[in-house]
Amino acid sequence: VQLQESGPGLVKPSQTLSLTCTVSGDSITANGAVWGWIRQPPGTEPEWKGAIDTSGSSYYNPSLKNRTSISRDTSKNQFTLPLSAVAPRDTAVYYCGRRKEGWTPWGQGTQVNDSS
């Protein structure tokens, strides 16, 4: 199973960031899996941000406060993390991953920087 994150890299303050995770080797609708996002700001531990399960139900870190709504495109085997009102605190490496028996594997990550 492989996951690959993609995104804009640089985002202007207050804009909406959209990150996509493309999955190969497994189906995002397969039973028993949850697909999620974490991020790691510079010099800190990773933070869990949210996830979507095989039925399409989503779960979020309360700290996001209605700034996101994870979606998926089953025809492309992708799921997406939008994040509105981007600010410097959102600068981080963002990773997508799968939880089946533990959270593994993860993608290689994509760097997102606020341009302020």
N, C-alpha and C. Protein backbone atom coordinates (compact mmCIF):
# COMPACT_ATOMS: atom_id res chain seq x y z
N VAL A 1 0.85 -1.19 0.00
CA VAL A 1 0.00 0.00 0.00
C VAL A 1 0.88 1.24 0.00
N GLN A 2 0.54 2.19 -0.84
CA GLN A 2 1.29 3.45 -0.88
C GLN A 2 0.32 4.62 -0.84
N LEU A 3 0.73 5.66 -0.14
CA LEU A 3 -0.04 6.88 -0.07
C LEU A 3 0.85 8.04 -0.49
N GLN A 4 0.29 8.96 -1.26
CA GLN A 4 1.05 10.09 -1.76
C GLN A 4 0.26 11.36 -1.55
N GLU A 5 0.83 12.27 -0.78
CA GLU A 5 0.19 13.56 -0.55
C GLU A 5 0.53 14.53 -1.66
N SER A 6 -0.38 15.42 -1.96
CA SER A 6 -0.10 16.50 -2.91
C SER A 6 -0.83 17.75 -2.44
N GLY A 7 -0.22 18.89 -2.71
CA GLY A 7 -0.80 20.14 -2.27
C GLY A 7 -0.03 21.31 -2.84
N PRO A 8 -0.42 22.54 -2.51
CA PRO A 8 0.14 23.72 -3.16
C PRO A 8 1.51 24.14 -2.66
N GLY A 9 1.91 23.68 -1.49
CA GLY A 9 3.21 24.06 -0.96
C GLY A 9 3.21 25.40 -0.24
N LEU A 10 2.70 26.42 -0.90
CA LEU A 10 2.70 27.77 -0.35
C LEU A 10 1.29 28.31 -0.43
N VAL A 11 0.79 28.83 0.66
CA VAL A 11 -0.58 29.33 0.72
C VAL A 11 -0.59 30.72 1.33
N LYS A 12 -1.38 31.60 0.76
CA LYS A 12 -1.48 32.95 1.31
C LYS A 12 -2.37 32.94 2.55
N PRO A 13 -2.11 33.83 3.47
CA PRO A 13 -2.94 33.91 4.69
C PRO A 13 -4.41 34.10 4.35
N SER A 14 -5.23 33.45 5.09
CA SER A 14 -6.70 33.49 5.00
C SER A 14 -7.27 32.67 3.85
N GLN A 15 -6.40 32.16 2.96
CA GLN A 15 -6.91 31.34 1.87
C GLN A 15 -7.23 29.93 2.37
N THR A 16 -7.83 29.14 1.49
CA THR A 16 -8.13 27.75 1.81
C THR A 16 -7.09 26.83 1.20
N LEU A 17 -6.54 25.98 2.05
CA LEU A 17 -5.57 24.98 1.63
C LEU A 17 -6.31 23.70 1.29
N SER A 18 -5.87 23.01 0.23
CA SER A 18 -6.47 21.73 -0.09
C SER A 18 -5.36 20.72 -0.36
N LEU A 19 -5.36 19.66 0.44
CA LEU A 19 -4.38 18.59 0.30
C LEU A 19 -5.09 17.31 -0.12
N THR A 20 -4.47 16.59 -1.03
CA THR A 20 -5.05 15.35 -1.53
C THR A 20 -4.11 14.19 -1.25
N CYS A 21 -4.70 13.09 -0.86
CA CYS A 21 -3.95 11.85 -0.65
C CYS A 21 -4.42 10.83 -1.68
N THR A 22 -3.49 10.37 -2.49
CA THR A 22 -3.78 9.36 -3.50
C THR A 22 -3.29 8.01 -2.99
N VAL A 23 -4.19 7.05 -2.99
CA VAL A 23 -3.89 5.74 -2.43
C VAL A 23 -3.75 4.71 -3.55
N SER A 24 -2.74 3.87 -3.45
CA SER A 24 -2.59 2.74 -4.37
C SER A 24 -2.33 1.48 -3.56
N GLY A 25 -2.81 0.39 -4.07
CA GLY A 25 -2.60 -0.88 -3.40
C GLY A 25 -3.68 -1.26 -2.41
N ASP A 26 -4.65 -0.40 -2.21
CA ASP A 26 -5.80 -0.68 -1.35
C ASP A 26 -6.91 0.27 -1.78
N SER A 27 -8.14 -0.07 -1.45
CA SER A 27 -9.27 0.77 -1.77
C SER A 27 -9.71 1.55 -0.55
N ILE A 28 -9.99 2.84 -0.71
CA ILE A 28 -10.43 3.64 0.43
C ILE A 28 -11.84 3.26 0.88
N THR A 29 -12.50 2.39 0.12
CA THR A 29 -13.82 1.91 0.54
C THR A 29 -13.76 0.50 1.10
N ALA A 30 -12.58 -0.07 1.18
CA ALA A 30 -12.45 -1.43 1.70
C ALA A 30 -12.80 -1.47 3.18
N ASN A 31 -13.43 -2.53 3.58
CA ASN A 31 -13.84 -2.65 4.98
C ASN A 31 -12.65 -2.66 5.93
N GLY A 32 -12.86 -2.08 7.07
CA GLY A 32 -11.88 -2.19 8.14
C GLY A 32 -10.81 -1.14 8.16
N ALA A 33 -10.83 -0.19 7.22
CA ALA A 33 -9.78 0.82 7.17
C ALA A 33 -10.33 2.20 7.46
N VAL A 34 -9.48 3.01 8.05
CA VAL A 34 -9.75 4.43 8.26
C VAL A 34 -8.58 5.18 7.65
N TRP A 35 -8.88 6.30 7.01
CA TRP A 35 -7.85 7.07 6.30
C TRP A 35 -7.77 8.46 6.92
N GLY A 36 -6.57 8.87 7.28
CA GLY A 36 -6.50 10.10 8.05
C GLY A 36 -5.32 10.98 7.72
N TRP A 37 -5.30 12.10 8.44
CA TRP A 37 -4.26 13.12 8.28
C TRP A 37 -3.65 13.48 9.62
N ILE A 38 -2.34 13.66 9.60
CA ILE A 38 -1.64 14.28 10.71
C ILE A 38 -0.78 15.39 10.13
N ARG A 39 -0.32 16.27 10.99
CA ARG A 39 0.65 17.26 10.55
C ARG A 39 1.69 17.45 11.64
N GLN A 40 2.85 17.89 11.22
CA GLN A 40 3.94 18.11 12.15
C GLN A 40 4.53 19.50 11.92
N PRO A 41 4.17 20.47 12.75
CA PRO A 41 4.79 21.79 12.66
C PRO A 41 6.27 21.71 13.01
N PRO A 42 7.05 22.69 12.64
CA PRO A 42 8.48 22.66 12.94
C PRO A 42 8.77 22.52 14.43
N GLY A 43 9.59 21.58 14.78
CA GLY A 43 10.04 21.42 16.15
C GLY A 43 9.01 20.88 17.11
N THR A 44 7.94 20.30 16.62
CA THR A 44 6.90 19.79 17.51
C THR A 44 6.54 18.35 17.16
N GLU A 45 5.73 17.76 18.01
CA GLU A 45 5.25 16.41 17.76
C GLU A 45 4.13 16.45 16.72
N PRO A 46 3.90 15.33 16.03
CA PRO A 46 2.78 15.28 15.08
C PRO A 46 1.44 15.46 15.79
N GLU A 47 0.52 16.09 15.07
CA GLU A 47 -0.83 16.33 15.59
C GLU A 47 -1.82 15.62 14.68
N TRP A 48 -2.73 14.85 15.28
CA TRP A 48 -3.77 14.22 14.47
C TRP A 48 -4.81 15.27 14.11
N LYS A 49 -5.19 15.31 12.84
CA LYS A 49 -6.10 16.33 12.35
C LYS A 49 -7.49 15.79 12.04
N GLY A 50 -7.57 14.62 11.42
CA GLY A 50 -8.89 14.09 11.09
C GLY A 50 -8.78 12.83 10.27
N ALA A 51 -9.94 12.20 10.05
CA ALA A 51 -9.96 10.95 9.32
C ALA A 51 -11.32 10.73 8.69
N ILE A 52 -11.34 9.80 7.74
CA ILE A 52 -12.59 9.41 7.10
C ILE A 52 -12.60 7.90 7.01
N ASP A 53 -13.74 7.30 7.30
CA ASP A 53 -13.78 5.84 7.27
C ASP A 53 -14.38 5.34 5.96
N THR A 54 -14.51 4.02 5.86
CA THR A 54 -14.91 3.45 4.58
C THR A 54 -16.36 3.75 4.22
N SER A 55 -17.15 4.16 5.20
CA SER A 55 -18.54 4.54 4.91
C SER A 55 -18.66 6.00 4.52
N GLY A 56 -17.55 6.74 4.64
CA GLY A 56 -17.58 8.16 4.33
C GLY A 56 -17.78 9.06 5.53
N SER A 57 -17.92 8.48 6.71
CA SER A 57 -18.04 9.29 7.93
C SER A 57 -16.68 9.87 8.29
N SER A 58 -16.69 11.11 8.76
CA SER A 58 -15.42 11.78 9.06
C SER A 58 -15.35 12.20 10.52
N TYR A 59 -14.13 12.38 11.00
CA TYR A 59 -13.82 12.66 12.39
C TYR A 59 -12.72 13.71 12.42
N TYR A 60 -12.80 14.63 13.38
CA TYR A 60 -11.87 15.74 13.37
C TYR A 60 -11.29 16.02 14.75
N ASN A 61 -10.11 16.59 14.73
CA ASN A 61 -9.53 17.16 15.94
C ASN A 61 -10.33 18.41 16.28
N PRO A 62 -10.83 18.55 17.48
CA PRO A 62 -11.64 19.73 17.84
C PRO A 62 -10.92 21.05 17.61
N SER A 63 -9.60 21.01 17.59
CA SER A 63 -8.85 22.26 17.42
C SER A 63 -9.07 22.90 16.06
N LEU A 64 -9.60 22.11 15.11
CA LEU A 64 -9.81 22.67 13.78
C LEU A 64 -11.04 23.56 13.71
N LYS A 65 -11.95 23.43 14.64
CA LYS A 65 -13.07 24.38 14.82
C LYS A 65 -13.77 24.72 13.52
N ASN A 66 -14.28 23.73 12.85
CA ASN A 66 -15.09 23.93 11.63
C ASN A 66 -14.30 24.48 10.46
N ARG A 67 -13.00 24.35 10.47
CA ARG A 67 -12.17 24.82 9.35
C ARG A 67 -11.98 23.77 8.28
N THR A 68 -12.45 22.56 8.51
CA THR A 68 -12.18 21.50 7.55
C THR A 68 -13.36 20.56 7.41
N SER A 69 -13.39 19.84 6.28
CA SER A 69 -14.40 18.82 6.03
C SER A 69 -13.78 17.82 5.05
N ILE A 70 -13.26 16.73 5.60
CA ILE A 70 -12.57 15.75 4.77
C ILE A 70 -13.55 15.12 3.78
N SER A 71 -13.12 15.01 2.54
CA SER A 71 -13.96 14.39 1.52
C SER A 71 -13.17 13.32 0.79
N ARG A 72 -13.85 12.61 -0.09
CA ARG A 72 -13.17 11.57 -0.84
C ARG A 72 -13.72 11.48 -2.25
N ASP A 73 -12.88 10.97 -3.14
CA ASP A 73 -13.27 10.68 -4.52
C ASP A 73 -12.98 9.21 -4.74
N THR A 74 -14.01 8.40 -4.64
CA THR A 74 -13.78 6.96 -4.72
C THR A 74 -13.37 6.52 -6.11
N SER A 75 -13.74 7.28 -7.14
CA SER A 75 -13.34 6.91 -8.50
C SER A 75 -11.84 7.08 -8.71
N LYS A 76 -11.24 8.00 -7.94
CA LYS A 76 -9.79 8.23 -8.04
C LYS A 76 -9.03 7.62 -6.87
N ASN A 77 -9.76 7.02 -5.94
CA ASN A 77 -9.15 6.45 -4.74
C ASN A 77 -8.33 7.50 -3.99
N GLN A 78 -8.94 8.65 -3.79
CA GLN A 78 -8.29 9.78 -3.13
C GLN A 78 -9.18 10.31 -2.00
N PHE A 79 -8.55 10.91 -1.01
CA PHE A 79 -9.28 11.68 -0.02
C PHE A 79 -8.57 13.00 0.20
N THR A 80 -9.35 13.99 0.57
CA THR A 80 -8.86 15.37 0.56
C THR A 80 -9.10 16.05 1.90
N LEU A 81 -8.11 16.83 2.30
CA LEU A 81 -8.20 17.66 3.50
C LEU A 81 -8.20 19.12 3.10
N PRO A 82 -9.35 19.80 3.14
CA PRO A 82 -9.33 21.24 2.95
C PRO A 82 -9.15 21.91 4.31
N LEU A 83 -8.54 23.06 4.32
CA LEU A 83 -8.34 23.80 5.56
C LEU A 83 -8.50 25.27 5.26
N SER A 84 -9.53 25.87 5.82
CA SER A 84 -9.82 27.26 5.52
C SER A 84 -9.08 28.20 6.46
N ALA A 85 -9.07 29.48 6.09
CA ALA A 85 -8.47 30.52 6.93
C ALA A 85 -7.06 30.18 7.35
N VAL A 86 -6.23 29.87 6.38
CA VAL A 86 -4.85 29.47 6.67
C VAL A 86 -4.10 30.59 7.38
N ALA A 87 -3.30 30.21 8.35
CA ALA A 87 -2.51 31.15 9.14
C ALA A 87 -1.13 30.55 9.37
N PRO A 88 -0.18 31.33 9.91
CA PRO A 88 1.16 30.80 10.16
C PRO A 88 1.17 29.52 10.99
N ARG A 89 0.19 29.35 11.87
CA ARG A 89 0.16 28.16 12.71
C ARG A 89 -0.08 26.88 11.90
N ASP A 90 -0.51 27.03 10.64
CA ASP A 90 -0.77 25.87 9.79
C ASP A 90 0.46 25.41 9.03
N THR A 91 1.56 26.15 9.13
CA THR A 91 2.80 25.71 8.51
C THR A 91 3.26 24.41 9.13
N ALA A 92 3.42 23.38 8.30
CA ALA A 92 3.74 22.06 8.81
C ALA A 92 3.99 21.11 7.64
N VAL A 93 4.50 19.93 7.96
CA VAL A 93 4.50 18.83 7.01
C VAL A 93 3.23 18.02 7.27
N TYR A 94 2.47 17.80 6.25
CA TYR A 94 1.20 17.08 6.35
C TYR A 94 1.38 15.67 5.79
N TYR A 95 0.89 14.69 6.55
CA TYR A 95 0.99 13.29 6.15
C TYR A 95 -0.40 12.67 6.12
N CYS A 96 -0.61 11.78 5.14
CA CYS A 96 -1.82 10.98 5.16
C CYS A 96 -1.44 9.54 5.43
N GLY A 97 -2.37 8.82 6.05
CA GLY A 97 -2.07 7.45 6.43
C GLY A 97 -3.31 6.61 6.52
N ARG A 98 -3.09 5.32 6.74
CA ARG A 98 -4.16 4.35 6.86
C ARG A 98 -4.10 3.68 8.22
N ARG A 99 -5.26 3.48 8.82
CA ARG A 99 -5.33 2.68 10.04
C ARG A 99 -6.12 1.42 9.74
N LYS A 100 -5.44 0.30 9.88
CA LYS A 100 -6.12 -0.99 9.75
C LYS A 100 -5.78 -1.80 11.00
N GLU A 101 -4.54 -2.16 11.11
CA GLU A 101 -4.03 -2.70 12.37
C GLU A 101 -2.94 -1.73 12.82
N GLY A 102 -3.38 -0.65 13.42
CA GLY A 102 -2.45 0.43 13.73
C GLY A 102 -2.34 1.40 12.56
N TRP A 103 -1.78 2.56 12.83
CA TRP A 103 -1.63 3.57 11.79
C TRP A 103 -0.35 3.29 11.01
N THR A 104 -0.53 2.63 9.89
CA THR A 104 0.54 2.35 8.96
C THR A 104 -0.04 1.84 7.68
N PRO A 105 0.47 2.24 6.50
CA PRO A 105 1.63 3.12 6.30
C PRO A 105 1.24 4.60 6.28
N TRP A 106 2.24 5.43 6.19
CA TRP A 106 2.06 6.86 5.98
C TRP A 106 2.71 7.26 4.66
N GLY A 107 2.23 8.36 4.09
CA GLY A 107 2.90 8.91 2.94
C GLY A 107 4.19 9.60 3.34
N GLN A 108 4.90 10.11 2.37
CA GLN A 108 6.19 10.74 2.65
C GLN A 108 6.02 12.16 3.18
N GLY A 109 4.81 12.72 3.06
CA GLY A 109 4.55 14.05 3.59
C GLY A 109 4.70 15.13 2.54
N THR A 110 3.97 16.21 2.77
CA THR A 110 4.09 17.37 1.89
C THR A 110 4.17 18.62 2.75
N GLN A 111 5.13 19.46 2.44
CA GLN A 111 5.35 20.68 3.21
C GLN A 111 4.35 21.76 2.78
N VAL A 112 3.76 22.38 3.77
CA VAL A 112 2.87 23.52 3.52
C VAL A 112 3.40 24.71 4.29
N ASN A 113 3.56 25.81 3.61
CA ASN A 113 4.04 27.05 4.24
C ASN A 113 3.03 28.16 4.02
N ASP A 114 2.78 28.91 5.08
CA ASP A 114 2.01 30.13 4.96
C ASP A 114 2.93 31.23 4.43
N SER A 115 2.49 31.96 3.47
CA SER A 115 3.39 32.89 2.78
C SER A 115 3.56 34.23 3.49
N SER A 116 2.96 34.38 4.66
CA SER A 116 3.09 35.67 5.35
C SER A 116 4.48 35.87 5.90
